[in-house]
Amino acid sequence: MPFHDTLVRLHLLPRNQHVRIPPTPARHLARLTFIAFLLTFIGSRVIVILIMTRRMPNMFFHAGATHVHHLNYGIFLLSAVAGILLFASLNLRYKGICALLYGLAMGLTFDEFGMWLNLGGSYWQRASFDGVIVVLSVFGLIAFFPRWERLRSHHYGTAALLLIAVGSFYFLLIRSYHHVNEKYAPVLMEIEESGPR
């Protein structure tokens, strides 16, 4: 039984008055993950551009002659977070820290998603961008989609309109990405070639 109906039956809330129900712990953790993922992706892109254009000191880590890409940091961090969540009993505060670390690790890893597919490929591969959009969409749905017990018939119409709007947005985003790719890909490739390795 929904929380709102329970309050009405107990006469703690008038029938026509709505109460704001706080997000469940899972939704709160999903929102932390969403924010950490988004900020990490943006931060990673900005830092790489600043390093490659030599506006920031070279912070790339090398093990001998091998450039250790930041997706590796994400993989190790994902492994650590998974181990902690699997073997430790955590309260909500520590789960929140793990959610932030999980979002950070996913951001580092998916920022270089194209390199999973093409190991020798460029950092600016479109696959990385597409991977980030898909992961952000999933995290966004988990974090912000209304709870099932609160869905009413008008929500389905709103969801259909939202789906059309989001689909149109992605269609325009992909088309604009093609335009940006044609215009700026040569510039980005030149920066990558002339930047630190």
Protein backbone atom coordinates (compact mmCIF):
# COMPACT_ATOMS: atom_id res chain seq x y z
CA MET A 1 0.00 0.00 0.00
CA PRO A 2 1.46 3.40 -0.95
CA PHE A 3 2.65 5.60 1.92
CA HIS A 4 0.22 8.40 0.94
CA ASP A 5 -2.82 6.05 1.15
CA THR A 6 -1.69 4.81 4.56
CA LEU A 7 -1.55 8.38 5.91
CA VAL A 8 -5.04 9.09 4.53
CA ARG A 9 -6.50 5.91 6.11
CA LEU A 10 -4.97 6.80 9.48
CA HIS A 11 -6.48 10.31 9.13
CA LEU A 12 -3.01 11.86 9.42
CA LEU A 13 -3.35 13.51 6.01
CA PRO A 14 -6.42 14.95 4.27
CA ARG A 15 -7.52 12.97 1.19
CA ASN A 16 -6.72 15.75 -1.31
CA GLN A 17 -3.35 16.75 0.19
CA HIS A 18 -0.13 15.26 -1.15
CA VAL A 19 3.01 14.67 0.85
CA ARG A 20 6.52 14.73 -0.55
CA ILE A 21 7.98 11.31 0.06
CA PRO A 22 11.76 11.37 0.50
CA PRO A 23 13.79 9.31 -1.97
CA THR A 24 14.53 5.71 -1.01
CA PRO A 25 18.12 4.91 -0.08
CA ALA A 26 18.61 3.20 -3.47
CA ARG A 27 17.43 6.30 -5.36
CA HIS A 28 19.62 8.54 -3.20
CA LEU A 29 22.64 6.34 -3.97
CA ALA A 30 21.75 6.34 -7.69
CA ARG A 31 21.65 10.15 -7.66
CA LEU A 32 25.08 10.31 -6.03
CA THR A 33 26.40 7.89 -8.66
CA PHE A 34 24.81 9.89 -11.49
CA ILE A 35 26.38 13.17 -10.29
CA ALA A 36 29.82 11.64 -9.68
CA PHE A 37 29.78 9.94 -13.10
CA LEU A 38 28.78 13.11 -14.96
CA LEU A 39 31.30 15.37 -13.17
CA THR A 40 34.11 12.82 -13.61
CA PHE A 41 33.46 12.52 -17.34
CA ILE A 42 33.42 16.31 -17.80
CA GLY A 43 36.50 16.75 -15.58
CA SER A 44 38.42 14.01 -17.41
CA ARG A 45 37.75 15.55 -20.82
CA VAL A 46 38.74 19.04 -19.65
CA ILE A 47 41.95 17.81 -17.97
CA VAL A 48 43.01 15.77 -21.02
CA ILE A 49 42.45 18.74 -23.34
CA LEU A 50 44.42 21.03 -21.00
CA ILE A 51 47.31 18.54 -20.81
CA MET A 52 47.36 17.94 -24.56
CA THR A 53 47.35 21.67 -25.33
CA ARG A 54 50.13 22.10 -22.73
CA ARG A 55 48.06 24.49 -20.60
CA MET A 56 48.49 22.14 -17.66
CA PRO A 57 51.48 20.05 -16.54
CA ASN A 58 51.66 16.54 -17.94
CA MET A 59 50.00 14.31 -15.31
CA PHE A 60 49.91 11.17 -17.48
CA PHE A 61 51.31 8.18 -15.61
CA HIS A 62 53.87 5.99 -17.37
CA ALA A 63 55.06 2.53 -16.30
CA GLY A 64 58.28 2.34 -18.21
CA ALA A 65 57.38 3.19 -21.79
CA THR A 66 53.69 2.35 -21.28
CA HIS A 67 51.14 5.15 -20.87
CA VAL A 68 48.69 3.96 -18.20
CA HIS A 69 45.31 5.31 -19.31
CA HIS A 70 42.84 6.54 -16.71
CA LEU A 71 40.37 3.78 -17.58
CA ASN A 72 42.75 1.51 -15.64
CA TYR A 73 42.30 3.63 -12.50
CA GLY A 74 38.56 3.22 -12.99
CA ILE A 75 38.85 -0.56 -13.32
CA PHE A 76 40.89 -0.88 -10.12
CA LEU A 77 38.52 1.45 -8.27
CA LEU A 78 35.48 -0.52 -9.52
CA SER A 79 37.12 -3.71 -8.25
CA ALA A 80 37.78 -2.16 -4.84
CA VAL A 81 34.22 -0.79 -4.49
CA ALA A 82 32.74 -4.16 -5.52
CA GLY A 83 34.90 -5.94 -2.94
CA ILE A 84 33.93 -3.52 -0.17
CA LEU A 85 30.21 -3.78 -0.95
CA LEU A 86 30.43 -7.57 -1.18
CA PHE A 87 32.37 -8.27 2.01
CA ALA A 88 31.64 -5.33 4.35
CA SER A 89 28.47 -4.45 6.22
CA LEU A 90 27.98 -0.73 5.62
CA ASN A 91 25.58 1.89 6.88
CA LEU A 92 23.95 4.39 4.49
CA ARG A 93 26.70 6.98 4.96
CA TYR A 94 29.44 4.58 3.84
CA LYS A 95 27.24 3.29 1.02
CA GLY A 96 26.96 6.93 -0.10
CA ILE A 97 30.75 7.18 -0.22
CA CYS A 98 30.84 3.94 -2.22
CA ALA A 99 28.19 5.34 -4.61
CA LEU A 100 30.35 8.42 -5.22
CA LEU A 101 33.45 6.26 -5.77
CA TYR A 102 31.46 3.97 -8.07
CA GLY A 103 30.31 6.95 -10.17
CA LEU A 104 33.88 8.28 -10.26
CA ALA A 105 35.22 4.87 -11.36
CA MET A 106 32.53 4.47 -14.02
CA GLY A 107 33.31 7.97 -15.31
CA LEU A 108 37.03 7.22 -15.60
CA THR A 109 36.35 3.90 -17.30
CA PHE A 110 33.64 4.97 -19.75
CA ASP A 111 35.49 8.16 -20.67
CA GLU A 112 37.80 5.83 -22.60
CA PHE A 113 35.14 3.30 -23.62
CA GLY A 114 36.23 3.58 -27.27
CA MET A 115 39.61 2.20 -26.25
CA TRP A 116 37.92 -0.96 -24.95
CA LEU A 117 36.82 -1.61 -28.51
CA ASN A 118 39.83 -0.23 -30.41
CA LEU A 119 42.88 -0.50 -28.18
CA GLY A 120 45.10 1.53 -30.49
CA GLY A 121 42.41 4.05 -31.31
CA SER A 122 42.17 7.74 -30.54
CA TYR A 123 40.92 9.13 -27.23
CA TRP A 124 38.30 11.08 -29.19
CA GLN A 125 36.45 8.04 -30.54
CA ARG A 126 32.70 8.40 -30.85
CA ALA A 127 32.15 5.07 -29.04
CA SER A 128 33.25 6.71 -25.76
CA PHE A 129 30.69 9.47 -26.18
CA ASP A 130 27.92 6.95 -26.99
CA GLY A 131 28.87 4.76 -24.02
CA VAL A 132 28.70 7.73 -21.65
CA ILE A 133 25.26 8.76 -22.98
CA VAL A 134 23.87 5.24 -22.47
CA VAL A 135 25.27 4.90 -18.93
CA LEU A 136 24.06 8.40 -17.95
CA SER A 137 20.59 7.55 -19.27
CA VAL A 138 20.42 4.35 -17.20
CA PHE A 139 21.66 6.10 -14.04
CA GLY A 140 19.23 8.95 -14.69
CA LEU A 141 16.27 6.57 -14.99
CA ILE A 142 17.21 4.76 -11.78
CA ALA A 143 17.77 8.04 -9.93
CA PHE A 144 14.85 10.16 -11.12
CA PHE A 145 12.08 7.98 -12.60
CA PRO A 146 8.91 8.05 -10.42
CA ARG A 147 8.32 5.09 -8.13
CA TRP A 148 6.08 2.38 -9.59
CA GLU A 149 3.53 2.65 -6.79
CA ARG A 150 3.09 6.36 -7.51
CA LEU A 151 2.49 5.98 -11.25
CA ARG A 152 -0.98 7.00 -12.44
CA SER A 153 -2.55 6.92 -15.90
CA HIS A 154 -1.48 10.48 -16.74
CA HIS A 155 2.13 9.53 -16.05
CA TYR A 156 2.10 7.14 -19.02
CA GLY A 157 1.16 9.95 -21.40
CA THR A 158 3.84 12.16 -19.90
CA ALA A 159 6.36 9.31 -20.18
CA ALA A 160 5.47 8.82 -23.87
CA LEU A 161 5.96 12.53 -24.58
CA LEU A 162 9.21 12.53 -22.62
CA LEU A 163 10.42 9.48 -24.55
CA ILE A 164 9.67 11.25 -27.85
CA ALA A 165 11.41 14.41 -26.63
CA VAL A 166 14.47 12.52 -25.36
CA GLY A 167 14.61 10.44 -28.57
CA SER A 168 14.47 13.63 -30.64
CA PHE A 169 17.16 15.19 -28.46
CA TYR A 170 19.46 12.19 -28.97
CA PHE A 171 18.78 12.24 -32.71
CA LEU A 172 19.73 15.93 -32.90
CA LEU A 173 22.68 15.35 -30.57
CA ILE A 174 24.04 12.59 -32.83
CA ARG A 175 23.54 14.76 -35.93
CA SER A 176 25.31 17.67 -34.25
CA TYR A 177 28.07 15.30 -33.18
CA HIS A 178 28.62 14.40 -36.85
CA HIS A 179 28.91 18.11 -37.66
CA VAL A 180 31.28 18.76 -34.76
CA ASN A 181 33.27 15.65 -35.66
CA GLU A 182 33.76 16.87 -39.24
CA LYS A 183 34.80 20.32 -38.06
CA TYR A 184 36.88 19.56 -34.96
CA ALA A 185 38.11 15.95 -35.35
CA PRO A 186 41.18 17.04 -37.36
CA VAL A 187 41.99 19.70 -34.74
CA LEU A 188 41.60 17.21 -31.86
CA MET A 189 43.69 14.60 -33.68
CA GLU A 190 46.42 17.19 -34.26
CA ILE A 191 46.33 18.15 -30.56
CA GLU A 192 46.56 14.47 -29.59
CA GLU A 193 49.49 13.89 -31.96
CA SER A 194 51.43 16.96 -30.79
CA GLY A 195 50.54 16.61 -27.09
CA PRO A 196 52.44 14.69 -24.44
CA ARG A 197 52.26 10.90 -24.63
